[in-house]
Amino acid sequence: MTVNEKLLKALESATRYLEVSLSTLGNDEKAFTDNIWHAAAELEYALFLFSLILEEENDVSGLKPNPEIKKGEAKELLATARSFLVESKNSFNENLMNAYKCVYMARHYVFRVQEELARKKREASRK
């Protein structure tokens, strides 16, 4: 399996985990949390694979956007992350740099949800 095939497979997997997490939101907290963590892992793996591909072609050090993600509903944040993944898959063959940026942004949105889950867990343990 080539690096490109592995990358596309990781993007598909991350998208599926996001979709499952959206469907379990509010119904099954454990399944929601587990799927968020799996999606984050797949996004990290995808970014690693992008780094392998892009290090040969371009310097990606200046291509890391620093998004300001405000607090929001998990559903909105995850839907935005999913749309970034769709855009990444669509632009993968034509514009690899844009595909990379989209995955990078999706990861930030998923991390924002993870931060909120961790905050809630800390607050619950203090009570």
Protein backbone atom coordinates (compact mmCIF):
# COMPACT_ATOMS: atom_id res chain seq x y z
CA MET A 1 0.00 0.00 0.00
CA THR A 2 1.44 3.39 -0.97
CA VAL A 3 1.68 6.37 1.34
CA ASN A 4 -1.06 8.12 -0.62
CA GLU A 5 -3.36 5.12 -0.21
CA LYS A 6 -2.64 4.98 3.52
CA LEU A 7 -3.34 8.68 3.78
CA LEU A 8 -6.68 8.43 2.01
CA LYS A 9 -7.59 5.45 4.17
CA ALA A 10 -6.78 7.46 7.33
CA LEU A 11 -8.96 10.34 6.09
CA GLU A 12 -11.84 7.96 5.39
CA SER A 13 -11.45 6.38 8.81
CA ALA A 14 -11.34 9.78 10.57
CA THR A 15 -14.47 10.83 8.70
CA ARG A 16 -16.30 7.65 9.77
CA TYR A 17 -15.28 8.16 13.41
CA LEU A 18 -16.55 11.75 13.27
CA GLU A 19 -19.85 10.62 11.78
CA VAL A 20 -20.30 7.96 14.47
CA SER A 21 -19.42 10.45 17.19
CA LEU A 22 -22.02 12.85 15.83
CA SER A 23 -24.65 10.11 15.84
CA THR A 24 -23.83 9.10 19.44
CA LEU A 25 -23.67 12.67 20.76
CA GLY A 26 -26.06 12.99 23.66
CA ASN A 27 -27.01 9.31 23.60
CA ASP A 28 -23.89 7.39 24.56
CA GLU A 29 -21.14 9.43 26.22
CA LYS A 30 -18.57 6.61 26.20
CA ALA A 31 -19.06 5.83 22.51
CA PHE A 32 -18.93 9.55 21.72
CA THR A 33 -15.66 10.01 23.61
CA ASP A 34 -14.08 6.87 22.16
CA ASN A 35 -14.91 7.90 18.60
CA ILE A 36 -13.53 11.40 19.17
CA TRP A 37 -10.23 9.90 20.35
CA HIS A 38 -10.09 7.53 17.39
CA ALA A 39 -10.78 10.39 14.97
CA ALA A 40 -8.01 12.46 16.58
CA ALA A 41 -5.59 9.54 16.26
CA GLU A 42 -6.43 9.08 12.58
CA LEU A 43 -5.96 12.80 11.96
CA GLU A 44 -2.55 12.72 13.66
CA TYR A 45 -1.59 9.74 11.50
CA ALA A 46 -2.81 11.54 8.37
CA LEU A 47 -0.74 14.61 9.25
CA PHE A 48 2.29 12.37 9.78
CA LEU A 49 1.76 10.83 6.33
CA PHE A 50 1.35 14.30 4.82
CA SER A 51 4.68 15.28 6.37
CA LEU A 52 6.33 12.30 4.69
CA ILE A 53 4.92 13.28 1.31
CA LEU A 54 5.42 17.02 1.59
CA GLU A 55 8.90 17.02 3.10
CA GLU A 56 10.22 15.84 -0.23
CA GLU A 57 8.30 18.42 -2.23
CA ASN A 58 7.86 21.50 -0.06
CA ASP A 59 8.59 23.09 3.25
CA VAL A 60 5.42 22.85 5.39
CA SER A 61 6.75 24.75 8.39
CA GLY A 62 5.02 27.97 7.32
CA LEU A 63 1.81 26.28 6.26
CA LYS A 64 0.39 25.58 9.69
CA PRO A 65 -2.55 27.89 10.18
CA ASN A 66 -3.19 28.99 13.74
CA PRO A 67 -6.98 29.04 13.96
CA GLU A 68 -8.82 30.75 16.75
CA ILE A 69 -11.56 28.32 17.56
CA LYS A 70 -14.11 29.76 19.89
CA LYS A 71 -16.18 27.70 22.24
CA GLY A 72 -19.04 26.08 20.51
CA GLU A 73 -21.32 23.14 20.55
CA ALA A 74 -19.56 19.84 19.95
CA LYS A 75 -21.96 19.09 17.12
CA GLU A 76 -20.99 22.29 15.27
CA LEU A 77 -17.26 21.77 15.85
CA LEU A 78 -17.36 18.18 14.65
CA ALA A 79 -19.47 19.06 11.62
CA THR A 80 -16.90 21.70 10.70
CA ALA A 81 -14.08 19.18 11.12
CA ARG A 82 -15.95 16.72 8.91
CA SER A 83 -16.42 19.38 6.21
CA PHE A 84 -12.68 20.09 6.32
CA LEU A 85 -12.03 16.38 5.78
CA VAL A 86 -14.41 16.27 2.81
CA GLU A 87 -12.64 19.28 1.32
CA SER A 88 -9.28 17.63 1.94
CA LYS A 89 -10.30 14.45 0.14
CA ASN A 90 -11.71 16.48 -2.76
CA SER A 91 -8.56 18.55 -3.20
CA PHE A 92 -6.10 15.72 -2.53
CA ASN A 93 -5.24 15.04 -6.18
CA GLU A 94 -5.28 18.65 -7.39
CA ASN A 95 -3.85 20.63 -4.46
CA LEU A 96 -1.93 18.64 -1.90
CA MET A 97 -1.08 21.71 0.17
CA ASN A 98 -4.75 22.63 0.54
CA ALA A 99 -5.56 19.04 1.50
CA TYR A 100 -2.89 19.26 4.21
CA LYS A 101 -4.24 22.57 5.52
CA CYS A 102 -7.77 21.14 5.70
CA VAL A 103 -6.64 18.14 7.74
CA TYR A 104 -4.63 20.43 10.01
CA MET A 105 -7.72 22.56 10.61
CA ALA A 106 -9.92 19.50 11.20
CA ARG A 107 -7.47 18.32 13.84
CA HIS A 108 -7.77 21.65 15.65
CA TYR A 109 -11.55 21.39 15.74
CA VAL A 110 -11.43 17.84 17.08
CA PHE A 111 -8.86 18.89 19.69
CA ARG A 112 -11.19 21.66 20.81
CA VAL A 113 -13.90 19.07 21.49
CA GLN A 114 -11.37 16.89 23.33
CA GLU A 115 -10.35 19.85 25.49
CA GLU A 116 -13.97 20.42 26.44
CA LEU A 117 -14.43 16.73 27.29
CA ALA A 118 -11.31 16.81 29.47
CA ARG A 119 -12.54 19.97 31.22
CA LYS A 120 -15.90 18.37 31.98
CA LYS A 121 -14.18 15.26 33.30
CA ARG A 122 -11.97 17.34 35.61
CA GLU A 123 -14.96 19.26 36.91
CA ALA A 124 -16.89 16.05 37.55
CA SER A 125 -13.97 14.54 39.46
CA ARG A 126 -13.74 17.62 41.71
CA LYS A 127 -17.34 17.26 42.85
